[in-house]
Amino acid sequence: MENNKVHYGDLIKWVHKVIDSCETRGQIRTAERLIDNLSLQPQIRELDVNLYFEIIRDMRNKCIDMSFSMLEKQINS
């Protein structure tokens, strides 16, 4: 039987790419939902609790930073 499990590192890289590609607030909200879904994946839930929360926190902070950056650009325009 083949192991069809995706490595958690690949999932994390993919979510970071999605976050990096966001250009609108709506896309960031979608990325935030993606983070929520990622946090429920067994590959992620099996990690050490500190590592789990660090990974999720970093992705959420990245979304927050992008939101503020977009807001700043909008204000300065």
PDB file of N, CA and C in Angstrom:
ATOM      1  N   MET A   1       0.841  -1.181   0.000  1.00  0.00           N
ATOM      2  CA  MET A   1       0.000   0.000   0.000  1.00  0.00           C
ATOM      3  C   MET A   1       0.888   1.247   0.000  1.00  0.00           C
ATOM      4  N   GLU A   2       0.570   2.174  -0.852  1.00  0.00           N
ATOM      5  CA  GLU A   2       1.358   3.390  -0.967  1.00  0.00           C
ATOM      6  C   GLU A   2       1.008   4.385   0.128  1.00  0.00           C
ATOM      7  N   ASN A   3       2.003   5.135   0.527  1.00  0.00           N
ATOM      8  CA  ASN A   3       1.791   6.189   1.509  1.00  0.00           C
ATOM      9  C   ASN A   3       1.491   7.480   0.752  1.00  0.00           C
ATOM     10  N   ASN A   4       0.252   7.939   0.793  1.00  0.00           N
ATOM     11  CA  ASN A   4      -0.162   9.144   0.064  1.00  0.00           C
ATOM     12  C   ASN A   4      -0.108  10.390   0.941  1.00  0.00           C
ATOM     13  N   LYS A   5       0.486  10.281   2.117  1.00  0.00           N
ATOM     14  CA  LYS A   5       0.578  11.402   3.025  1.00  0.00           C
ATOM     15  C   LYS A   5       1.571  12.431   2.489  1.00  0.00           C
ATOM     16  N   VAL A   6       1.171  13.676   2.488  1.00  0.00           N
ATOM     17  CA  VAL A   6       2.046  14.769   2.064  1.00  0.00           C
ATOM     18  C   VAL A   6       2.862  15.199   3.281  1.00  0.00           C
ATOM     19  N   HIS A   7       4.144  15.446   3.079  1.00  0.00           N
ATOM     20  CA  HIS A   7       5.012  15.865   4.176  1.00  0.00           C
ATOM     21  C   HIS A   7       4.589  17.245   4.672  1.00  0.00           C
ATOM     22  N   TYR A   8       4.619  17.442   5.982  1.00  0.00           N
ATOM     23  CA  TYR A   8       4.159  18.709   6.553  1.00  0.00           C
ATOM     24  C   TYR A   8       4.984  19.890   6.051  1.00  0.00           C
ATOM     25  N   GLY A   9       6.258  19.675   5.770  1.00  0.00           N
ATOM     26  CA  GLY A   9       7.096  20.756   5.250  1.00  0.00           C
ATOM     27  C   GLY A   9       6.611  21.246   3.897  1.00  0.00           C
ATOM     28  N   ASP A  10       6.142  20.318   3.053  1.00  0.00           N
ATOM     29  CA  ASP A  10       5.602  20.703   1.747  1.00  0.00           C
ATOM     30  C   ASP A  10       4.325  21.515   1.906  1.00  0.00           C
ATOM     31  N   LEU A  11       3.489  21.128   2.870  1.00  0.00           N
ATOM     32  CA  LEU A  11       2.251  21.880   3.126  1.00  0.00           C
ATOM     33  C   LEU A  11       2.571  23.304   3.583  1.00  0.00           C
ATOM     34  N   ILE A  12       3.534  23.415   4.473  1.00  0.00           N
ATOM     35  CA  ILE A  12       3.898  24.728   5.006  1.00  0.00           C
ATOM     36  C   ILE A  12       4.470  25.617   3.905  1.00  0.00           C
ATOM     37  N   LYS A  13       5.346  25.067   3.073  1.00  0.00           N
ATOM     38  CA  LYS A  13       5.907  25.844   1.953  1.00  0.00           C
ATOM     39  C   LYS A  13       4.797  26.317   1.020  1.00  0.00           C
ATOM     40  N   TRP A  14       3.840  25.443   0.735  1.00  0.00           N
ATOM     41  CA  TRP A  14       2.742  25.787  -0.159  1.00  0.00           C
ATOM     42  C   TRP A  14       1.911  26.929   0.420  1.00  0.00           C
ATOM     43  N   VAL A  15       1.594  26.860   1.714  1.00  0.00           N
ATOM     44  CA  VAL A  15       0.795  27.925   2.335  1.00  0.00           C
ATOM     45  C   VAL A  15       1.570  29.244   2.308  1.00  0.00           C
ATOM     46  N   HIS A  16       2.868  29.204   2.559  1.00  0.00           N
ATOM     47  CA  HIS A  16       3.672  30.429   2.493  1.00  0.00           C
ATOM     48  C   HIS A  16       3.655  31.016   1.085  1.00  0.00           C
ATOM     49  N   LYS A  17       3.701  30.170   0.071  1.00  0.00           N
ATOM     50  CA  LYS A  17       3.627  30.664  -1.311  1.00  0.00           C
ATOM     51  C   LYS A  17       2.284  31.326  -1.574  1.00  0.00           C
ATOM     52  N   VAL A  18       1.217  30.728  -1.061  1.00  0.00           N
ATOM     53  CA  VAL A  18      -0.117  31.316  -1.224  1.00  0.00           C
ATOM     54  C   VAL A  18      -0.167  32.677  -0.543  1.00  0.00           C
ATOM     55  N   ILE A  19       0.344  32.758   0.673  1.00  0.00           N
ATOM     56  CA  ILE A  19       0.342  34.032   1.403  1.00  0.00           C
ATOM     57  C   ILE A  19       1.151  35.080   0.637  1.00  0.00           C
ATOM     58  N   ASP A  20       2.316  34.694   0.160  1.00  0.00           N
ATOM     59  CA  ASP A  20       3.172  35.627  -0.579  1.00  0.00           C
ATOM     60  C   ASP A  20       2.514  36.140  -1.858  1.00  0.00           C
ATOM     61  N   SER A  21       1.618  35.365  -2.429  1.00  0.00           N
ATOM     62  CA  SER A  21       0.989  35.761  -3.687  1.00  0.00           C
ATOM     63  C   SER A  21      -0.237  36.653  -3.490  1.00  0.00           C
ATOM     64  N   CYS A  22      -0.634  36.888  -2.250  1.00  0.00           N
ATOM     65  CA  CYS A  22      -1.834  37.687  -1.982  1.00  0.00           C
ATOM     66  C   CYS A  22      -1.630  39.131  -2.401  1.00  0.00           C
ATOM     67  N   GLU A  23      -2.630  39.665  -3.076  1.00  0.00           N
ATOM     68  CA  GLU A  23      -2.585  41.061  -3.518  1.00  0.00           C
ATOM     69  C   GLU A  23      -3.776  41.876  -3.028  1.00  0.00           C
ATOM     70  N   THR A  24      -4.782  41.214  -2.465  1.00  0.00           N
ATOM     71  CA  THR A  24      -5.964  41.907  -1.957  1.00  0.00           C
ATOM     72  C   THR A  24      -6.297  41.391  -0.565  1.00  0.00           C
ATOM     73  N   ARG A  25      -7.096  42.168   0.147  1.00  0.00           N
ATOM     74  CA  ARG A  25      -7.516  41.761   1.494  1.00  0.00           C
ATOM     75  C   ARG A  25      -8.342  40.472   1.428  1.00  0.00           C
ATOM     76  N   GLY A  26      -9.149  40.318   0.396  1.00  0.00           N
ATOM     77  CA  GLY A  26      -9.932  39.094   0.233  1.00  0.00           C
ATOM     78  C   GLY A  26      -9.054  37.865   0.083  1.00  0.00           C
ATOM     79  N   GLN A  27      -7.959  38.023  -0.643  1.00  0.00           N
ATOM     80  CA  GLN A  27      -7.025  36.905  -0.801  1.00  0.00           C
ATOM     81  C   GLN A  27      -6.353  36.571   0.527  1.00  0.00           C
ATOM     82  N   ILE A  28      -6.079  37.576   1.329  1.00  0.00           N
ATOM     83  CA  ILE A  28      -5.496  37.323   2.645  1.00  0.00           C
ATOM     84  C   ILE A  28      -6.484  36.581   3.532  1.00  0.00           C
ATOM     85  N   ARG A  29      -7.761  36.950   3.468  1.00  0.00           N
ATOM     86  CA  ARG A  29      -8.775  36.223   4.248  1.00  0.00           C
ATOM     87  C   ARG A  29      -8.841  34.763   3.820  1.00  0.00           C
ATOM     88  N   THR A  30      -8.718  34.522   2.528  1.00  0.00           N
ATOM     89  CA  THR A  30      -8.703  33.151   2.026  1.00  0.00           C
ATOM     90  C   THR A  30      -7.466  32.418   2.545  1.00  0.00           C
ATOM     91  N   ALA A  31      -6.328  33.089   2.567  1.00  0.00           N
ATOM     92  CA  ALA A  31      -5.102  32.483   3.095  1.00  0.00           C
ATOM     93  C   ALA A  31      -5.259  32.171   4.583  1.00  0.00           C
ATOM     94  N   GLU A  32      -5.949  33.036   5.308  1.00  0.00           N
ATOM     95  CA  GLU A  32      -6.191  32.781   6.729  1.00  0.00           C
ATOM     96  C   GLU A  32      -7.050  31.539   6.928  1.00  0.00           C
ATOM     97  N   ARG A  33      -8.033  31.346   6.060  1.00  0.00           N
ATOM     98  CA  ARG A  33      -8.856  30.121   6.136  1.00  0.00           C
ATOM     99  C   ARG A  33      -8.012  28.898   5.783  1.00  0.00           C
ATOM    100  N   LEU A  34      -7.097  29.069   4.847  1.00  0.00           N
ATOM    101  CA  LEU A  34      -6.184  27.987   4.482  1.00  0.00           C
ATOM    102  C   LEU A  34      -5.317  27.599   5.681  1.00  0.00           C
ATOM    103  N   ILE A  35      -4.868  28.587   6.432  1.00  0.00           N
ATOM    104  CA  ILE A  35      -4.088  28.318   7.645  1.00  0.00           C
ATOM    105  C   ILE A  35      -4.943  27.551   8.648  1.00  0.00           C
ATOM    106  N   ASP A  36      -6.205  27.957   8.788  1.00  0.00           N
ATOM    107  CA  ASP A  36      -7.112  27.230   9.685  1.00  0.00           C
ATOM    108  C   ASP A  36      -7.223  25.767   9.275  1.00  0.00           C
ATOM    109  N   ASN A  37      -7.393  25.528   7.982  1.00  0.00           N
ATOM    110  CA  ASN A  37      -7.498  24.153   7.489  1.00  0.00           C
ATOM    111  C   ASN A  37      -6.187  23.399   7.680  1.00  0.00           C
ATOM    112  N   LEU A  38      -5.066  24.071   7.440  1.00  0.00           N
ATOM    113  CA  LEU A  38      -3.763  23.432   7.624  1.00  0.00           C
ATOM    114  C   LEU A  38      -3.578  22.991   9.073  1.00  0.00           C
ATOM    115  N   SER A  39      -4.024  23.827   9.994  1.00  0.00           N
ATOM    116  CA  SER A  39      -3.831  23.522  11.412  1.00  0.00           C
ATOM    117  C   SER A  39      -4.583  22.260  11.833  1.00  0.00           C
ATOM    118  N   LEU A  40      -5.537  21.819  11.026  1.00  0.00           N
ATOM    119  CA  LEU A  40      -6.311  20.608  11.338  1.00  0.00           C
ATOM    120  C   LEU A  40      -5.753  19.354  10.680  1.00  0.00           C
ATOM    121  N   GLN A  41      -4.761  19.511   9.814  1.00  0.00           N
ATOM    122  CA  GLN A  41      -4.202  18.363   9.100  1.00  0.00           C
ATOM    123  C   GLN A  41      -3.414  17.467  10.051  1.00  0.00           C
ATOM    124  N   PRO A  42      -3.564  16.146   9.907  1.00  0.00           N
ATOM    125  CA  PRO A  42      -2.877  15.226  10.819  1.00  0.00           C
ATOM    126  C   PRO A  42      -1.357  15.383  10.813  1.00  0.00           C
ATOM    127  N   GLN A  43      -0.776  15.696   9.651  1.00  0.00           N
ATOM    128  CA  GLN A  43       0.678  15.851   9.571  1.00  0.00           C
ATOM    129  C   GLN A  43       1.155  17.000  10.455  1.00  0.00           C
ATOM    130  N   ILE A  44       0.331  18.024  10.586  1.00  0.00           N
ATOM    131  CA  ILE A  44       0.678  19.190  11.389  1.00  0.00           C
ATOM    132  C   ILE A  44       0.350  18.939  12.858  1.00  0.00           C
ATOM    133  N   ARG A  45      -0.786  18.330  13.110  1.00  0.00           N
ATOM    134  CA  ARG A  45      -1.220  18.074  14.490  1.00  0.00           C
ATOM    135  C   ARG A  45      -0.298  17.107  15.216  1.00  0.00           C
ATOM    136  N   GLU A  46       0.423  16.281  14.463  1.00  0.00           N
ATOM    137  CA  GLU A  46       1.334  15.310  15.075  1.00  0.00           C
ATOM    138  C   GLU A  46       2.650  15.935  15.531  1.00  0.00           C
ATOM    139  N   LEU A  47       2.891  17.183  15.158  1.00  0.00           N
ATOM    140  CA  LEU A  47       4.139  17.855  15.525  1.00  0.00           C
ATOM    141  C   LEU A  47       4.172  18.161  17.017  1.00  0.00           C
ATOM    142  N   ASP A  48       5.378  18.424  17.501  1.00  0.00           N
ATOM    143  CA  ASP A  48       5.535  18.902  18.875  1.00  0.00           C
ATOM    144  C   ASP A  48       4.673  20.148  19.050  1.00  0.00           C
ATOM    145  N   VAL A  49       4.013  20.272  20.177  1.00  0.00           N
ATOM    146  CA  VAL A  49       3.044  21.343  20.392  1.00  0.00           C
ATOM    147  C   VAL A  49       3.682  22.723  20.217  1.00  0.00           C
ATOM    148  N   ASN A  50       4.909  22.903  20.683  1.00  0.00           N
ATOM    149  CA  ASN A  50       5.568  24.205  20.530  1.00  0.00           C
ATOM    150  C   ASN A  50       5.855  24.518  19.069  1.00  0.00           C
ATOM    151  N   LEU A  51       6.321  23.534  18.337  1.00  0.00           N
ATOM    152  CA  LEU A  51       6.582  23.718  16.913  1.00  0.00           C
ATOM    153  C   LEU A  51       5.285  23.985  16.161  1.00  0.00           C
ATOM    154  N   TYR A  52       4.236  23.249  16.504  1.00  0.00           N
ATOM    155  CA  TYR A  52       2.915  23.430  15.887  1.00  0.00           C
ATOM    156  C   TYR A  52       2.461  24.883  16.031  1.00  0.00           C
ATOM    157  N   PHE A  53       2.480  25.397  17.256  1.00  0.00           N
ATOM    158  CA  PHE A  53       1.999  26.756  17.484  1.00  0.00           C
ATOM    159  C   PHE A  53       2.924  27.794  16.849  1.00  0.00           C
ATOM    160  N   GLU A  54       4.220  27.528  16.808  1.00  0.00           N
ATOM    161  CA  GLU A  54       5.154  28.453  16.176  1.00  0.00           C
ATOM    162  C   GLU A  54       4.887  28.563  14.676  1.00  0.00           C
ATOM    163  N   ILE A  55       4.669  27.432  14.026  1.00  0.00           N
ATOM    164  CA  ILE A  55       4.391  27.414  12.587  1.00  0.00           C
ATOM    165  C   ILE A  55       3.107  28.172  12.277  1.00  0.00           C
ATOM    166  N   ILE A  56       2.044  27.861  13.009  1.00  0.00           N
ATOM    167  CA  ILE A  56       0.744  28.507  12.763  1.00  0.00           C
ATOM    168  C   ILE A  56       0.838  30.003  13.075  1.00  0.00           C
ATOM    169  N   ARG A  57       1.483  30.352  14.192  1.00  0.00           N
ATOM    170  CA  ARG A  57       1.621  31.762  14.570  1.00  0.00           C
ATOM    171  C   ARG A  57       2.391  32.549  13.521  1.00  0.00           C
ATOM    172  N   ASP A  58       3.476  31.977  13.021  1.00  0.00           N
ATOM    173  CA  ASP A  58       4.271  32.664  12.007  1.00  0.00           C
ATOM    174  C   ASP A  58       3.464  32.938  10.741  1.00  0.00           C
ATOM    175  N   MET A  59       2.658  31.972  10.325  1.00  0.00           N
ATOM    176  CA  MET A  59       1.846  32.167   9.125  1.00  0.00           C
ATOM    177  C   MET A  59       0.774  33.229   9.362  1.00  0.00           C
ATOM    178  N   ARG A  60       0.152  33.199  10.531  1.00  0.00           N
ATOM    179  CA  ARG A  60      -0.863  34.215  10.842  1.00  0.00           C
ATOM    180  C   ARG A  60      -0.236  35.608  10.900  1.00  0.00           C
ATOM    181  N   ASN A  61       0.946  35.705  11.509  1.00  0.00           N
ATOM    182  CA  ASN A  61       1.632  36.997  11.580  1.00  0.00           C
ATOM    183  C   ASN A  61       2.002  37.511  10.195  1.00  0.00           C
ATOM    184  N   LYS A  62       2.368  36.611   9.321  1.00  0.00           N
ATOM    185  CA  LYS A  62       2.694  37.000   7.947  1.00  0.00           C
ATOM    186  C   LYS A  62       1.461  37.608   7.266  1.00  0.00           C
ATOM    187  N   CYS A  63       0.304  37.015   7.489  1.00  0.00           N
ATOM    188  CA  CYS A  63      -0.942  37.567   6.931  1.00  0.00           C
ATOM    189  C   CYS A  63      -1.246  38.938   7.527  1.00  0.00           C
ATOM    190  N   ILE A  64      -1.051  39.077   8.821  1.00  0.00           N
ATOM    191  CA  ILE A  64      -1.300  40.361   9.478  1.00  0.00           C
ATOM    192  C   ILE A  64      -0.363  41.428   8.928  1.00  0.00           C
ATOM    193  N   ASP A  65       0.905  41.085   8.790  1.00  0.00           N
ATOM    194  CA  ASP A  65       1.878  42.045   8.245  1.00  0.00           C
ATOM    195  C   ASP A  65       1.491  42.470   6.830  1.00  0.00           C
ATOM    196  N   MET A  66       1.044  41.519   6.015  1.00  0.00           N
ATOM    197  CA  MET A  66       0.638  41.851   4.648  1.00  0.00           C
ATOM    198  C   MET A  66      -0.590  42.755   4.656  1.00  0.00           C
ATOM    199  N   SER A  67      -1.517  42.500   5.563  1.00  0.00           N
ATOM    200  CA  SER A  67      -2.714  43.342   5.668  1.00  0.00           C
ATOM    201  C   SER A  67      -2.329  44.778   6.001  1.00  0.00           C
ATOM    202  N   PHE A  68      -1.445  44.926   6.984  1.00  0.00           N
ATOM    203  CA  PHE A  68      -0.999  46.272   7.362  1.00  0.00           C
ATOM    204  C   PHE A  68      -0.258  46.951   6.219  1.00  0.00           C
ATOM    205  N   SER A  69       0.539  46.201   5.503  1.00  0.00           N
ATOM    206  CA  SER A  69       1.267  46.750   4.368  1.00  0.00           C
ATOM    207  C   SER A  69       0.300  47.241   3.290  1.00  0.00           C
ATOM    208  N   MET A  70      -0.739  46.445   3.019  1.00  0.00           N
ATOM    209  CA  MET A  70      -1.747  46.854   2.027  1.00  0.00           C
ATOM    210  C   MET A  70      -2.485  48.100   2.491  1.00  0.00           C
ATOM    211  N   LEU A  71      -2.816  48.163   3.775  1.00  0.00           N
ATOM    212  CA  LEU A  71      -3.510  49.309   4.321  1.00  0.00           C
ATOM    213  C   LEU A  71      -2.638  50.554   4.231  1.00  0.00           C
ATOM    214  N   GLU A  72      -1.375  50.399   4.532  1.00  0.00           N
ATOM    215  CA  GLU A  72      -0.437  51.524   4.457  1.00  0.00           C
ATOM    216  C   GLU A  72      -0.329  52.055   3.028  1.00  0.00           C
ATOM    217  N   LYS A  73      -0.227  51.146   2.068  1.00  0.00           N
ATOM    218  CA  LYS A  73      -0.164  51.556   0.664  1.00  0.00           C
ATOM    219  C   LYS A  73      -1.435  52.290   0.256  1.00  0.00           C
ATOM    220  N   GLN A  74      -2.574  51.793   0.734  1.00  0.00           N
ATOM    221  CA  GLN A  74      -3.857  52.408   0.389  1.00  0.00           C
ATOM    222  C   GLN A  74      -3.940  53.807   0.995  1.00  0.00           C
ATOM    223  N   ILE A  75      -3.476  53.969   2.202  1.00  0.00           N
ATOM    224  CA  ILE A  75      -3.506  55.279   2.863  1.00  0.00           C
ATOM    225  C   ILE A  75      -2.582  56.274   2.173  1.00  0.00           C
ATOM    226  N   ASN A  76      -1.428  55.797   1.765  1.00  0.00           N
ATOM    227  CA  ASN A  76      -0.427  56.675   1.140  1.00  0.00           C
ATOM    228  C   ASN A  76      -0.717  56.967  -0.322  1.00  0.00           C
ATOM    229  N   SER A  77      -1.699  56.314  -0.891  1.00  0.00           N
ATOM    230  CA  SER A  77      -2.024  56.538  -2.320  1.00  0.00           C
ATOM    231  C   SER A  77      -2.887  57.755  -2.521  1.00  0.00           C
TER     232      SER A  77
END
